PDB file of N, CA and C in Angstrom:
ATOM      1  N   MET A   1      -1.443 -27.340  -0.052  1.00  0.00           N
ATOM      2  CA  MET A   1      -1.144 -25.590  -0.884  1.00  0.00           C
ATOM      3  C   MET A   1       0.532 -25.670  -0.907  1.00  0.00           C
ATOM      4  N   THR A   2       1.699 -24.750  -1.876  1.00  0.00           N
ATOM      5  CA  THR A   2       2.615 -24.630  -1.859  1.00  0.00           C
ATOM      6  C   THR A   2       2.596 -23.279  -2.165  1.00  0.00           C
ATOM      7  N   ALA A   3       3.549 -22.464  -0.865  1.00  0.00           N
ATOM      8  CA  ALA A   3       3.726 -20.947  -0.895  1.00  0.00           C
ATOM      9  C   ALA A   3       4.647 -20.837  -2.122  1.00  0.00           C
ATOM     10  N   ALA A   4       4.382 -19.445  -2.935  1.00  0.00           N
ATOM     11  CA  ALA A   4       5.324 -19.142  -4.150  1.00  0.00           C
ATOM     12  C   ALA A   4       6.466 -18.223  -3.189  1.00  0.00           C
ATOM     13  N   ARG A   5       7.580 -18.095  -4.864  1.00  0.00           N
ATOM     14  CA  ARG A   5       8.375 -17.903  -3.930  1.00  0.00           C
ATOM     15  C   ARG A   5       8.429 -16.338  -4.640  1.00  0.00           C
ATOM     16  N   CYS A   6       8.725 -15.305  -3.501  1.00  0.00           N
ATOM     17  CA  CYS A   6       9.039 -14.032  -4.602  1.00  0.00           C
ATOM     18  C   CYS A   6      10.198 -12.935  -3.266  1.00  0.00           C
ATOM     19  N   CYS A   7       9.834 -11.934  -3.796  1.00  0.00           N
ATOM     20  CA  CYS A   7      10.570 -11.289  -3.373  1.00  0.00           C
ATOM     21  C   CYS A   7      10.976  -9.368  -3.157  1.00  0.00           C
ATOM     22  N   TRP A   8      10.666  -9.440  -2.661  1.00  0.00           N
ATOM     23  CA  TRP A   8      10.289  -7.487  -2.631  1.00  0.00           C
ATOM     24  C   TRP A   8      11.449  -6.732  -2.273  1.00  0.00           C
ATOM     25  N   HIS A   9      11.532  -5.563  -2.969  1.00  0.00           N
ATOM     26  CA  HIS A   9      12.497  -4.793  -2.563  1.00  0.00           C
ATOM     27  C   HIS A   9      11.951  -3.024  -2.525  1.00  0.00           C
ATOM     28  N   LEU A  10      11.808  -2.921  -1.250  1.00  0.00           N
ATOM     29  CA  LEU A  10      10.969  -1.205  -1.742  1.00  0.00           C
ATOM     30  C   LEU A  10      11.539  -0.539  -0.834  1.00  0.00           C
ATOM     31  N   PRO A  11      12.513   0.108  -1.367  1.00  0.00           N
ATOM     32  CA  PRO A  11      13.496   0.974  -0.783  1.00  0.00           C
ATOM     33  C   PRO A  11      13.035   2.451  -0.436  1.00  0.00           C
ATOM     34  N   THR A  12      13.167   3.020   0.874  1.00  0.00           N
ATOM     35  CA  THR A  12      12.310   3.320   1.237  1.00  0.00           C
ATOM     36  C   THR A  12      13.877   4.198   2.087  1.00  0.00           C
ATOM     37  N   ARG A  13      13.549   5.766   1.836  1.00  0.00           N
ATOM     38  CA  ARG A  13      14.426   7.209   2.738  1.00  0.00           C
ATOM     39  C   ARG A  13      12.832   7.470   4.086  1.00  0.00           C
ATOM     40  N   LEU A  14      13.915   7.163   4.938  1.00  0.00           N
ATOM     41  CA  LEU A  14      13.200   8.233   5.755  1.00  0.00           C
ATOM     42  C   LEU A  14      14.174   8.748   6.119  1.00  0.00           C
ATOM     43  N   ILE A  15      13.340  10.224   6.813  1.00  0.00           N
ATOM     44  CA  ILE A  15      13.574  11.628   6.818  1.00  0.00           C
ATOM     45  C   ILE A  15      12.771  11.932   8.286  1.00  0.00           C
ATOM     46  N   PHE A  16      13.687  11.873   8.896  1.00  0.00           N
ATOM     47  CA  PHE A  16      12.821  12.799  10.330  1.00  0.00           C
ATOM     48  C   PHE A  16      13.772  13.534  10.846  1.00  0.00           C
ATOM     49  N   GLY A  17      13.409  14.299  12.312  1.00  0.00           N
ATOM     50  CA  GLY A  17      13.867  15.472  12.998  1.00  0.00           C
ATOM     51  C   GLY A  17      13.268  16.982  12.824  1.00  0.00           C
ATOM     52  N   PRO A  18      13.694  17.093  14.218  1.00  0.00           N
ATOM     53  CA  PRO A  18      13.214  18.530  14.370  1.00  0.00           C
ATOM     54  C   PRO A  18      13.384  19.669  13.021  1.00  0.00           C
ATOM     55  N   GLY A  19      12.151  19.766  12.597  1.00  0.00           N
ATOM     56  CA  GLY A  19      11.977  20.690  11.352  1.00  0.00           C
ATOM     57  C   GLY A  19      12.311  20.170  10.230  1.00  0.00           C
ATOM     58  N   GLU A  20      11.975  18.821  10.213  1.00  0.00           N
ATOM     59  CA  GLU A  20      12.486  18.305   8.702  1.00  0.00           C
ATOM     60  C   GLU A  20      11.342  18.125   7.717  1.00  0.00           C
ATOM     61  N   ALA A  21       9.875  18.541   8.272  1.00  0.00           N
ATOM     62  CA  ALA A  21       8.417  18.483   7.603  1.00  0.00           C
ATOM     63  C   ALA A  21       8.827  19.485   6.452  1.00  0.00           C
ATOM     64  N   ALA A  22       9.340  20.684   7.110  1.00  0.00           N
ATOM     65  CA  ALA A  22       9.688  21.726   6.228  1.00  0.00           C
ATOM     66  C   ALA A  22      10.562  21.470   4.791  1.00  0.00           C
ATOM     67  N   ARG A  23      11.565  20.754   4.887  1.00  0.00           N
ATOM     68  CA  ARG A  23      12.096  20.377   3.852  1.00  0.00           C
ATOM     69  C   ARG A  23      11.465  19.574   2.599  1.00  0.00           C
ATOM     70  N   LEU A  24      10.528  19.213   2.940  1.00  0.00           N
ATOM     71  CA  LEU A  24       9.249  18.117   2.181  1.00  0.00           C
ATOM     72  C   LEU A  24       9.635  18.834   0.696  1.00  0.00           C
ATOM     73  N   GLY A  25       9.539  19.974   0.516  1.00  0.00           N
ATOM     74  CA  GLY A  25       8.863  19.619  -1.193  1.00  0.00           C
ATOM     75  C   GLY A  25       9.833  20.113  -1.950  1.00  0.00           C
ATOM     76  N   SER A  26      11.551  20.369  -1.003  1.00  0.00           N
ATOM     77  CA  SER A  26      13.300  20.833  -1.867  1.00  0.00           C
ATOM     78  C   SER A  26      13.201  18.968  -1.765  1.00  0.00           C
ATOM     79  N   LEU A  27      12.260  17.674  -1.344  1.00  0.00           N
ATOM     80  CA  LEU A  27      12.765  16.272  -1.319  1.00  0.00           C
ATOM     81  C   LEU A  27      12.216  16.030  -2.534  1.00  0.00           C
ATOM     82  N   LEU A  28      11.486  16.230  -3.184  1.00  0.00           N
ATOM     83  CA  LEU A  28       9.979  15.709  -4.329  1.00  0.00           C
ATOM     84  C   LEU A  28      10.298  16.096  -5.051  1.00  0.00           C
ATOM     85  N   PRO A  29      10.058  15.469  -6.514  1.00  0.00           N
ATOM     86  CA  PRO A  29      10.538  15.856  -7.912  1.00  0.00           C
ATOM     87  C   PRO A  29      10.060  17.312  -8.282  1.00  0.00           C
ATOM     88  N   PRO A  30      10.262  18.445  -8.727  1.00  0.00           N
ATOM     89  CA  PRO A  30       9.256  19.393  -9.379  1.00  0.00           C
ATOM     90  C   PRO A  30       8.339  18.591  -9.996  1.00  0.00           C
ATOM     91  N   GLU A  31       8.363  17.433 -10.893  1.00  0.00           N
ATOM     92  CA  GLU A  31       7.628  17.465 -12.134  1.00  0.00           C
ATOM     93  C   GLU A  31       5.744  16.560 -11.141  1.00  0.00           C
ATOM     94  N   TRP A  32       6.564  16.176  -9.926  1.00  0.00           N
ATOM     95  CA  TRP A  32       5.322  15.972  -8.704  1.00  0.00           C
ATOM     96  C   TRP A  32       4.499  17.437  -7.986  1.00  0.00           C
ATOM     97  N   GLU A  33       3.315  17.428  -9.136  1.00  0.00           N
ATOM     98  CA  GLU A  33       2.775  18.961  -8.964  1.00  0.00           C
ATOM     99  C   GLU A  33       1.631  18.968  -8.251  1.00  0.00           C
ATOM    100  N   ARG A  34       0.684  17.351  -8.417  1.00  0.00           N
ATOM    101  CA  ARG A  34      -0.004  16.754  -7.594  1.00  0.00           C
ATOM    102  C   ARG A  34       0.398  15.904  -6.910  1.00  0.00           C
ATOM    103  N   LEU A  35      -0.479  15.488  -4.877  1.00  0.00           N
ATOM    104  CA  LEU A  35       0.176  14.797  -3.946  1.00  0.00           C
ATOM    105  C   LEU A  35      -0.842  14.105  -2.970  1.00  0.00           C
ATOM    106  N   LEU A  36      -0.735  13.060  -2.508  1.00  0.00           N
ATOM    107  CA  LEU A  36      -2.317  12.911  -1.686  1.00  0.00           C
ATOM    108  C   LEU A  36      -1.573  13.170  -0.554  1.00  0.00           C
ATOM    109  N   LEU A  37      -1.361  13.024   0.589  1.00  0.00           N
ATOM    110  CA  LEU A  37      -1.025  13.008   1.341  1.00  0.00           C
ATOM    111  C   LEU A  37      -1.528  12.671   2.853  1.00  0.00           C
ATOM    112  N   VAL A  38      -1.347  11.188   2.869  1.00  0.00           N
ATOM    113  CA  VAL A  38      -2.213   9.797   3.474  1.00  0.00           C
ATOM    114  C   VAL A  38      -1.434  10.236   4.768  1.00  0.00           C
ATOM    115  N   THR A  39      -2.151  10.391   5.997  1.00  0.00           N
ATOM    116  CA  THR A  39      -2.159  10.064   7.107  1.00  0.00           C
ATOM    117  C   THR A  39      -2.985  10.162   8.650  1.00  0.00           C
ATOM    118  N   ASP A  40      -2.719  10.141   9.768  1.00  0.00           N
ATOM    119  CA  ASP A  40      -4.251   9.839  10.409  1.00  0.00           C
ATOM    120  C   ASP A  40      -4.093  11.031  11.376  1.00  0.00           C
ATOM    121  N   GLY A  41      -4.994  11.538  12.180  1.00  0.00           N
ATOM    122  CA  GLY A  41      -5.033  12.976  12.858  1.00  0.00           C
ATOM    123  C   GLY A  41      -4.197  13.642  13.850  1.00  0.00           C
ATOM    124  N   PRO A  42      -3.435  12.709  14.020  1.00  0.00           N
ATOM    125  CA  PRO A  42      -2.198  13.449  15.423  1.00  0.00           C
ATOM    126  C   PRO A  42      -1.384  13.616  14.316  1.00  0.00           C
ATOM    127  N   VAL A  43      -1.116  13.009  13.667  1.00  0.00           N
ATOM    128  CA  VAL A  43       0.432  13.422  13.343  1.00  0.00           C
ATOM    129  C   VAL A  43      -0.245  14.963  12.439  1.00  0.00           C
ATOM    130  N   TRP A  44      -1.214  14.411  11.472  1.00  0.00           N
ATOM    131  CA  TRP A  44      -1.342  15.746  10.386  1.00  0.00           C
ATOM    132  C   TRP A  44      -1.643  17.364  11.957  1.00  0.00           C
ATOM    133  N   ALA A  45      -2.221  16.936  12.708  1.00  0.00           N
ATOM    134  CA  ALA A  45      -2.192  18.060  13.561  1.00  0.00           C
ATOM    135  C   ALA A  45      -0.484  18.457  14.223  1.00  0.00           C
ATOM    136  N   ALA A  46       0.147  17.509  14.062  1.00  0.00           N
ATOM    137  CA  ALA A  46       1.510  17.908  14.452  1.00  0.00           C
ATOM    138  C   ALA A  46       2.073  17.975  13.550  1.00  0.00           C
ATOM    139  N   LEU A  47       2.112  18.382  11.845  1.00  0.00           N
ATOM    140  CA  LEU A  47       2.882  18.131  11.255  1.00  0.00           C
ATOM    141  C   LEU A  47       1.944  19.220  10.113  1.00  0.00           C
ATOM    142  N   GLY A  48       1.021  19.145  10.061  1.00  0.00           N
ATOM    143  CA  GLY A  48      -0.038  19.863   8.850  1.00  0.00           C
ATOM    144  C   GLY A  48       0.369  21.299   8.468  1.00  0.00           C
ATOM    145  N   ALA A  49       0.616  22.086   8.935  1.00  0.00           N
ATOM    146  CA  ALA A  49       0.808  23.661   9.013  1.00  0.00           C
ATOM    147  C   ALA A  49       2.010  23.270   8.107  1.00  0.00           C
ATOM    148  N   ALA A  50       3.295  23.063   8.580  1.00  0.00           N
ATOM    149  CA  ALA A  50       4.310  22.375   8.376  1.00  0.00           C
ATOM    150  C   ALA A  50       4.302  22.050   6.672  1.00  0.00           C
ATOM    151  N   LEU A  51       3.835  21.144   6.966  1.00  0.00           N
ATOM    152  CA  LEU A  51       3.274  20.886   5.448  1.00  0.00           C
ATOM    153  C   LEU A  51       2.759  21.588   4.131  1.00  0.00           C
ATOM    154  N   HIS A  52       2.179  21.820   4.775  1.00  0.00           N
ATOM    155  CA  HIS A  52       1.532  23.067   3.975  1.00  0.00           C
ATOM    156  C   HIS A  52       2.372  24.166   2.878  1.00  0.00           C
ATOM    157  N   ARG A  53       2.889  24.934   4.203  1.00  0.00           N
ATOM    158  CA  ARG A  53       4.562  25.440   3.622  1.00  0.00           C
ATOM    159  C   ARG A  53       5.145  24.510   3.058  1.00  0.00           C
ATOM    160  N   ALA A  54       5.995  24.037   2.862  1.00  0.00           N
ATOM    161  CA  ALA A  54       6.701  23.234   2.590  1.00  0.00           C
ATOM    162  C   ALA A  54       6.487  22.837   0.827  1.00  0.00           C
ATOM    163  N   LEU A  55       4.814  22.382   0.848  1.00  0.00           N
ATOM    164  CA  LEU A  55       3.881  22.236  -0.653  1.00  0.00           C
ATOM    165  C   LEU A  55       3.669  23.020  -1.508  1.00  0.00           C
ATOM    166  N   ARG A  56       3.972  24.516  -0.669  1.00  0.00           N
ATOM    167  CA  ARG A  56       2.840  25.486  -0.825  1.00  0.00           C
ATOM    168  C   ARG A  56       3.595  25.348  -2.398  1.00  0.00           C
ATOM    169  N   GLY A  57       2.557  25.683  -3.514  1.00  0.00           N
ATOM    170  CA  GLY A  57       2.575  26.319  -5.379  1.00  0.00           C
ATOM    171  C   GLY A  57       2.124  24.732  -5.435  1.00  0.00           C
ATOM    172  N   ARG A  58       2.077  23.710  -4.618  1.00  0.00           N
ATOM    173  CA  ARG A  58       1.387  21.973  -5.354  1.00  0.00           C
ATOM    174  C   ARG A  58      -0.082  21.801  -5.595  1.00  0.00           C
ATOM    175  N   ALA A  59      -0.389  21.143  -6.517  1.00  0.00           N
ATOM    176  CA  ALA A  59      -2.159  20.477  -5.519  1.00  0.00           C
ATOM    177  C   ALA A  59      -1.905  19.889  -4.847  1.00  0.00           C
ATOM    178  N   VAL A  60      -2.291  19.369  -3.253  1.00  0.00           N
ATOM    179  CA  VAL A  60      -1.938  18.576  -2.105  1.00  0.00           C
ATOM    180  C   VAL A  60      -3.326  18.068  -1.722  1.00  0.00           C
ATOM    181  N   GLY A  61      -3.771  17.242  -1.905  1.00  0.00           N
ATOM    182  CA  GLY A  61      -5.007  16.244  -1.722  1.00  0.00           C
ATOM    183  C   GLY A  61      -4.305  15.947  -0.002  1.00  0.00           C
ATOM    184  N   LEU A  62      -5.888  15.873   0.877  1.00  0.00           N
ATOM    185  CA  LEU A  62      -5.327  15.110   1.500  1.00  0.00           C
ATOM    186  C   LEU A  62      -6.141  14.207   2.681  1.00  0.00           C
ATOM    187  N   PHE A  63      -5.757  12.462   2.971  1.00  0.00           N
ATOM    188  CA  PHE A  63      -6.458  11.795   3.750  1.00  0.00           C
ATOM    189  C   PHE A  63      -6.196  11.651   5.396  1.00  0.00           C
ATOM    190  N   ARG A  64      -6.713  11.736   5.715  1.00  0.00           N
ATOM    191  CA  ARG A  64      -6.292  11.618   7.361  1.00  0.00           C
ATOM    192  C   ARG A  64      -7.556  10.897   8.037  1.00  0.00           C
ATOM    193  N   GLU A  65      -7.870   9.902   7.877  1.00  0.00           N
ATOM    194  CA  GLU A  65      -8.586   8.668   7.948  1.00  0.00           C
ATOM    195  C   GLU A  65      -8.231   7.836   8.315  1.00  0.00           C
ATOM    196  N   VAL A  66      -6.792   7.410   8.891  1.00  0.00           N
ATOM    197  CA  VAL A  66      -5.929   6.571   8.426  1.00  0.00           C
ATOM    198  C   VAL A  66      -5.972   6.007   9.788  1.00  0.00           C
ATOM    199  N   GLU A  67      -5.906   4.848  10.323  1.00  0.00           N
ATOM    200  CA  GLU A  67      -6.364   4.194  12.013  1.00  0.00           C
ATOM    201  C   GLU A  67      -5.050   2.685  11.953  1.00  0.00           C
ATOM    202  N   PRO A  68      -4.759   2.836  12.770  1.00  0.00           N
ATOM    203  CA  PRO A  68      -3.274   1.868  13.221  1.00  0.00           C
ATOM    204  C   PRO A  68      -4.058   0.810  12.503  1.00  0.00           C
ATOM    205  N   ASN A  69      -2.740   0.334  11.973  1.00  0.00           N
ATOM    206  CA  ASN A  69      -2.931  -1.375  11.212  1.00  0.00           C
ATOM    207  C   ASN A  69      -4.333  -1.254  10.039  1.00  0.00           C
ATOM    208  N   PRO A  70      -4.355  -0.071   8.954  1.00  0.00           N
ATOM    209  CA  PRO A  70      -5.512   0.163   8.519  1.00  0.00           C
ATOM    210  C   PRO A  70      -5.874  -1.057   7.493  1.00  0.00           C
ATOM    211  N   SER A  71      -7.574  -1.029   7.812  1.00  0.00           N
ATOM    212  CA  SER A  71      -8.202  -1.866   6.954  1.00  0.00           C
ATOM    213  C   SER A  71      -8.331  -1.957   5.515  1.00  0.00           C
ATOM    214  N   LEU A  72      -8.084  -2.719   5.013  1.00  0.00           N
ATOM    215  CA  LEU A  72      -8.513  -2.849   3.457  1.00  0.00           C
ATOM    216  C   LEU A  72      -9.258  -1.539   2.904  1.00  0.00           C
ATOM    217  N   GLU A  73     -10.668  -1.763   3.956  1.00  0.00           N
ATOM    218  CA  GLU A  73     -11.384  -0.710   3.607  1.00  0.00           C
ATOM    219  C   GLU A  73     -11.313   1.020   3.407  1.00  0.00           C
ATOM    220  N   THR A  74      -9.945   0.753   4.909  1.00  0.00           N
ATOM    221  CA  THR A  74      -9.387   2.052   4.436  1.00  0.00           C
ATOM    222  C   THR A  74      -8.930   2.368   3.160  1.00  0.00           C
ATOM    223  N   VAL A  75      -7.668   1.263   3.274  1.00  0.00           N
ATOM    224  CA  VAL A  75      -7.227   1.420   1.733  1.00  0.00           C
ATOM    225  C   VAL A  75      -7.619   1.915   1.325  1.00  0.00           C
ATOM    226  N   ALA A  76      -8.614   1.356   0.416  1.00  0.00           N
ATOM    227  CA  ALA A  76      -9.818   1.558  -0.651  1.00  0.00           C
ATOM    228  C   ALA A  76     -10.012   2.873  -0.833  1.00  0.00           C
ATOM    229  N   LEU A  77     -10.339   3.627   0.492  1.00  0.00           N
ATOM    230  CA  LEU A  77     -10.928   4.568   0.595  1.00  0.00           C
ATOM    231  C   LEU A  77     -10.128   5.920   0.092  1.00  0.00           C
ATOM    232  N   ALA A  78      -8.889   5.523   0.068  1.00  0.00           N
ATOM    233  CA  ALA A  78      -7.582   6.051   0.070  1.00  0.00           C
ATOM    234  C   ALA A  78      -7.200   6.455  -1.077  1.00  0.00           C
ATOM    235  N   ALA A  79      -7.324   4.509  -1.705  1.00  0.00           N
ATOM    236  CA  ALA A  79      -7.077   5.107  -3.079  1.00  0.00           C
ATOM    237  C   ALA A  79      -7.910   5.650  -4.207  1.00  0.00           C
ATOM    238  N   ARG A  80      -9.597   5.532  -3.608  1.00  0.00           N
ATOM    239  CA  ARG A  80     -10.688   6.725  -3.989  1.00  0.00           C
ATOM    240  C   ARG A  80     -10.523   8.078  -4.365  1.00  0.00           C
ATOM    241  N   ALA A  81      -9.686   8.130  -3.205  1.00  0.00           N
ATOM    242  CA  ALA A  81      -9.784   9.638  -2.997  1.00  0.00           C
ATOM    243  C   ALA A  81      -8.031  10.532  -3.635  1.00  0.00           C
ATOM    244  N   ALA A  82      -7.131   9.039  -4.013  1.00  0.00           N
ATOM    245  CA  ALA A  82      -5.891   9.555  -4.396  1.00  0.00           C
ATOM    246  C   ALA A  82      -6.811   9.766  -6.594  1.00  0.00           C
ATOM    247  N   ARG A  83      -7.565   9.056  -6.987  1.00  0.00           N
ATOM    248  CA  ARG A  83      -8.996   9.383  -7.590  1.00  0.00           C
ATOM    249  C   ARG A  83      -8.696  10.714  -8.325  1.00  0.00           C
TER     250      ARG A  83
END
């Protein structure tokens, strides 16, 4: 069996540093009124309060059961949470 050729281009903007979580709301388009935050427990414990403040006024769901190297089952659970 031969492998198919493909090219993925997934531009990702990474913003990090002290206090950056507070800017999240201003970085998102205003039409993004409903969001699902996908994270793990320790990250949420560290940033959850700042993210909630930054996203005030938007409908925010939370999926925080992400383990290192997430399994397909975890991805499926997060996808269901997004619906």
